[in-house]
Amino acid sequence: MVAHVSLRWLHRGAPGPQWQAGCGVAHLGARSIALRAALFDAGRCVALCDSVMVIIDRESRRSAALSDATRALFAPYRLR
């Protein structure tokens, strides 16, 4: 389930001729995953987006712990 999304523009203006985007895992919690994306124009960061996903157990409809397999899948994409 998407628990939170935020978008922050650092510099506004007309779109450049070639934007670049990057994303990664900002945080692996016990029951959630925080992802961060950034948009760049000529090497300058113009926007950041953070989103938090919470793992939900379908039967109880409550948050559930991340499995070791899920952690292993996301680990290579962790941001420094």
N, C-alpha and C. Protein backbone atom coordinates (compact mmCIF):
# COMPACT_ATOMS: atom_id res chain seq x y z
N MET A 1 0.84 -1.15 0.00
CA MET A 1 0.00 0.00 0.00
C MET A 1 0.90 1.23 0.00
N VAL A 2 0.54 2.24 -0.78
CA VAL A 2 1.27 3.49 -0.76
C VAL A 2 0.80 4.28 0.46
N ALA A 3 1.72 4.54 1.38
CA ALA A 3 1.36 5.22 2.62
C ALA A 3 1.63 6.72 2.55
N HIS A 4 2.61 7.13 1.73
CA HIS A 4 2.96 8.55 1.68
C HIS A 4 3.69 8.85 0.37
N VAL A 5 3.40 9.98 -0.22
CA VAL A 5 4.12 10.46 -1.40
C VAL A 5 4.35 11.95 -1.25
N SER A 6 5.57 12.40 -1.53
CA SER A 6 5.83 13.84 -1.53
C SER A 6 6.68 14.18 -2.75
N LEU A 7 6.41 15.34 -3.30
CA LEU A 7 7.15 15.85 -4.45
C LEU A 7 7.60 17.25 -4.10
N ARG A 8 8.89 17.49 -4.28
CA ARG A 8 9.44 18.81 -3.95
C ARG A 8 10.22 19.33 -5.15
N TRP A 9 9.77 20.46 -5.70
CA TRP A 9 10.50 21.11 -6.78
C TRP A 9 11.55 22.01 -6.16
N LEU A 10 12.80 21.84 -6.55
CA LEU A 10 13.89 22.66 -6.03
C LEU A 10 14.16 23.85 -6.93
N HIS A 11 13.93 23.68 -8.23
CA HIS A 11 14.11 24.74 -9.22
C HIS A 11 13.01 24.59 -10.25
N ARG A 12 12.25 25.64 -10.47
CA ARG A 12 11.18 25.60 -11.47
C ARG A 12 11.61 26.37 -12.70
N GLY A 13 11.12 25.92 -13.82
CA GLY A 13 11.41 26.60 -15.07
C GLY A 13 10.95 25.73 -16.22
N ALA A 14 11.24 26.20 -17.41
CA ALA A 14 10.88 25.43 -18.60
C ALA A 14 11.71 24.15 -18.64
N PRO A 15 11.12 23.06 -19.10
CA PRO A 15 11.88 21.81 -19.18
C PRO A 15 13.09 21.96 -20.10
N GLY A 16 14.19 21.38 -19.68
CA GLY A 16 15.40 21.40 -20.48
C GLY A 16 15.29 20.46 -21.67
N PRO A 17 16.25 20.50 -22.58
CA PRO A 17 16.18 19.64 -23.76
C PRO A 17 16.35 18.15 -23.43
N GLN A 18 17.01 17.86 -22.32
CA GLN A 18 17.23 16.46 -21.97
C GLN A 18 17.33 16.31 -20.45
N TRP A 19 16.25 15.88 -19.83
CA TRP A 19 16.26 15.64 -18.40
C TRP A 19 16.73 14.23 -18.12
N GLN A 20 17.27 14.03 -16.93
CA GLN A 20 17.66 12.70 -16.48
C GLN A 20 16.96 12.42 -15.16
N ALA A 21 16.62 11.16 -14.94
CA ALA A 21 15.97 10.76 -13.69
C ALA A 21 16.75 9.61 -13.07
N GLY A 22 16.73 9.57 -11.77
CA GLY A 22 17.36 8.48 -11.03
C GLY A 22 16.48 8.10 -9.87
N CYS A 23 16.58 6.85 -9.44
CA CYS A 23 15.78 6.43 -8.29
C CYS A 23 16.50 5.30 -7.56
N GLY A 24 16.09 5.10 -6.33
CA GLY A 24 16.66 4.04 -5.52
C GLY A 24 15.91 3.89 -4.22
N VAL A 25 16.36 2.96 -3.42
CA VAL A 25 15.74 2.67 -2.12
C VAL A 25 16.42 3.54 -1.07
N ALA A 26 15.67 4.46 -0.49
CA ALA A 26 16.20 5.35 0.53
C ALA A 26 16.26 4.68 1.90
N HIS A 27 15.29 3.77 2.16
CA HIS A 27 15.24 3.13 3.48
C HIS A 27 14.46 1.81 3.37
N LEU A 28 15.00 0.79 4.01
CA LEU A 28 14.28 -0.48 4.17
C LEU A 28 13.94 -0.61 5.65
N GLY A 29 12.67 -0.44 5.96
CA GLY A 29 12.25 -0.56 7.35
C GLY A 29 11.81 -1.98 7.66
N ALA A 30 11.29 -2.17 8.83
CA ALA A 30 10.81 -3.50 9.23
C ALA A 30 9.56 -3.88 8.45
N ARG A 31 8.71 -2.88 8.15
CA ARG A 31 7.43 -3.13 7.49
C ARG A 31 7.18 -2.22 6.29
N SER A 32 8.20 -1.44 5.91
CA SER A 32 7.99 -0.49 4.83
C SER A 32 9.26 -0.31 3.99
N ILE A 33 9.06 0.26 2.81
CA ILE A 33 10.15 0.56 1.89
C ILE A 33 9.97 2.02 1.47
N ALA A 34 11.02 2.82 1.61
CA ALA A 34 10.98 4.21 1.17
C ALA A 34 11.81 4.34 -0.10
N LEU A 35 11.18 4.84 -1.16
CA LEU A 35 11.85 5.04 -2.44
C LEU A 35 12.06 6.53 -2.68
N ARG A 36 13.17 6.87 -3.31
CA ARG A 36 13.45 8.27 -3.66
C ARG A 36 13.78 8.35 -5.13
N ALA A 37 13.21 9.34 -5.79
CA ALA A 37 13.51 9.63 -7.19
C ALA A 37 13.95 11.08 -7.30
N ALA A 38 14.82 11.35 -8.24
CA ALA A 38 15.31 12.72 -8.47
C ALA A 38 15.31 12.99 -9.95
N LEU A 39 15.02 14.24 -10.30
CA LEU A 39 15.01 14.68 -11.68
C LEU A 39 16.11 15.73 -11.86
N PHE A 40 16.94 15.56 -12.89
CA PHE A 40 18.09 16.43 -13.10
C PHE A 40 17.99 17.11 -14.46
N ASP A 41 18.44 18.36 -14.49
CA ASP A 41 18.53 19.13 -15.73
C ASP A 41 19.95 19.68 -15.81
N ALA A 42 20.72 19.19 -16.76
CA ALA A 42 22.12 19.59 -16.95
C ALA A 42 22.94 19.41 -15.66
N GLY A 43 22.70 18.30 -14.99
CA GLY A 43 23.46 17.97 -13.78
C GLY A 43 22.94 18.62 -12.51
N ARG A 44 21.95 19.46 -12.59
CA ARG A 44 21.38 20.13 -11.41
C ARG A 44 20.08 19.45 -11.03
N CYS A 45 19.96 19.08 -9.76
CA CYS A 45 18.74 18.43 -9.27
C CYS A 45 17.62 19.47 -9.23
N VAL A 46 16.53 19.19 -9.95
CA VAL A 46 15.41 20.12 -10.01
C VAL A 46 14.19 19.65 -9.21
N ALA A 47 14.11 18.35 -8.92
CA ALA A 47 12.96 17.85 -8.17
C ALA A 47 13.30 16.54 -7.46
N LEU A 48 12.66 16.35 -6.30
CA LEU A 48 12.79 15.11 -5.53
C LEU A 48 11.40 14.56 -5.24
N CYS A 49 11.28 13.25 -5.29
CA CYS A 49 10.02 12.60 -4.96
C CYS A 49 10.32 11.45 -4.00
N ASP A 50 9.65 11.43 -2.88
CA ASP A 50 9.78 10.33 -1.92
C ASP A 50 8.44 9.63 -1.79
N SER A 51 8.48 8.31 -1.75
CA SER A 51 7.26 7.54 -1.53
C SER A 51 7.55 6.39 -0.58
N VAL A 52 6.60 6.14 0.30
CA VAL A 52 6.73 5.08 1.29
C VAL A 52 5.65 4.04 1.01
N MET A 53 6.10 2.80 0.85
CA MET A 53 5.19 1.69 0.64
C MET A 53 5.20 0.81 1.90
N VAL A 54 4.03 0.43 2.34
CA VAL A 54 3.90 -0.43 3.52
C VAL A 54 3.38 -1.79 3.05
N ILE A 55 4.00 -2.84 3.55
CA ILE A 55 3.59 -4.20 3.23
C ILE A 55 2.33 -4.52 4.05
N ILE A 56 1.29 -5.01 3.38
CA ILE A 56 0.02 -5.30 4.05
C ILE A 56 -0.29 -6.79 3.95
N ASP A 57 -0.68 -7.36 5.08
CA ASP A 57 -1.15 -8.75 5.11
C ASP A 57 -2.60 -8.74 4.61
N ARG A 58 -2.89 -9.51 3.59
CA ARG A 58 -4.23 -9.48 2.98
C ARG A 58 -5.33 -9.97 3.91
N GLU A 59 -5.02 -10.94 4.75
CA GLU A 59 -6.06 -11.49 5.62
C GLU A 59 -6.38 -10.57 6.79
N SER A 60 -5.34 -10.11 7.49
CA SER A 60 -5.57 -9.27 8.67
C SER A 60 -5.74 -7.79 8.32
N ARG A 61 -5.32 -7.41 7.09
CA ARG A 61 -5.37 -6.02 6.64
C ARG A 61 -4.54 -5.10 7.52
N ARG A 62 -3.47 -5.66 8.07
CA ARG A 62 -2.53 -4.89 8.90
C ARG A 62 -1.16 -4.95 8.25
N SER A 63 -0.28 -4.06 8.70
CA SER A 63 1.07 -4.08 8.14
C SER A 63 1.77 -5.38 8.51
N ALA A 64 2.64 -5.83 7.62
CA ALA A 64 3.37 -7.08 7.81
C ALA A 64 4.86 -6.84 7.65
N ALA A 65 5.65 -7.70 8.22
CA ALA A 65 7.11 -7.58 8.14
C ALA A 65 7.60 -7.90 6.74
N LEU A 66 8.65 -7.18 6.32
CA LEU A 66 9.30 -7.49 5.04
C LEU A 66 9.98 -8.85 5.15
N SER A 67 9.82 -9.66 4.14
CA SER A 67 10.50 -10.97 4.16
C SER A 67 11.98 -10.80 3.81
N ASP A 68 12.77 -11.78 4.15
CA ASP A 68 14.19 -11.75 3.79
C ASP A 68 14.37 -11.73 2.28
N ALA A 69 13.50 -12.42 1.56
CA ALA A 69 13.58 -12.44 0.09
C ALA A 69 13.31 -11.05 -0.48
N THR A 70 12.35 -10.33 0.08
CA THR A 70 12.06 -8.97 -0.38
C THR A 70 13.23 -8.05 -0.09
N ARG A 71 13.79 -8.17 1.11
CA ARG A 71 14.97 -7.36 1.46
C ARG A 71 16.12 -7.62 0.49
N ALA A 72 16.32 -8.87 0.14
CA ALA A 72 17.41 -9.22 -0.77
C ALA A 72 17.18 -8.63 -2.16
N LEU A 73 15.92 -8.58 -2.60
CA LEU A 73 15.61 -8.00 -3.91
C LEU A 73 15.88 -6.50 -3.96
N PHE A 74 15.57 -5.79 -2.88
CA PHE A 74 15.73 -4.35 -2.85
C PHE A 74 17.13 -3.88 -2.44
N ALA A 75 17.88 -4.71 -1.76
CA ALA A 75 19.20 -4.32 -1.24
C ALA A 75 20.16 -3.74 -2.29
N PRO A 76 20.27 -4.28 -3.49
CA PRO A 76 21.21 -3.71 -4.47
C PRO A 76 20.85 -2.28 -4.91
N TYR A 77 19.64 -1.84 -4.65
CA TYR A 77 19.21 -0.53 -5.10
C TYR A 77 19.22 0.53 -3.99
N ARG A 78 19.81 0.19 -2.84
CA ARG A 78 19.86 1.15 -1.73
C ARG A 78 20.74 2.32 -2.08
N LEU A 79 20.29 3.51 -1.73
CA LEU A 79 21.05 4.72 -1.95
C LEU A 79 22.08 4.90 -0.84
N ARG A 80 23.17 5.52 -1.18
CA ARG A 80 24.21 5.77 -0.16
C ARG A 80 23.92 7.01 0.61
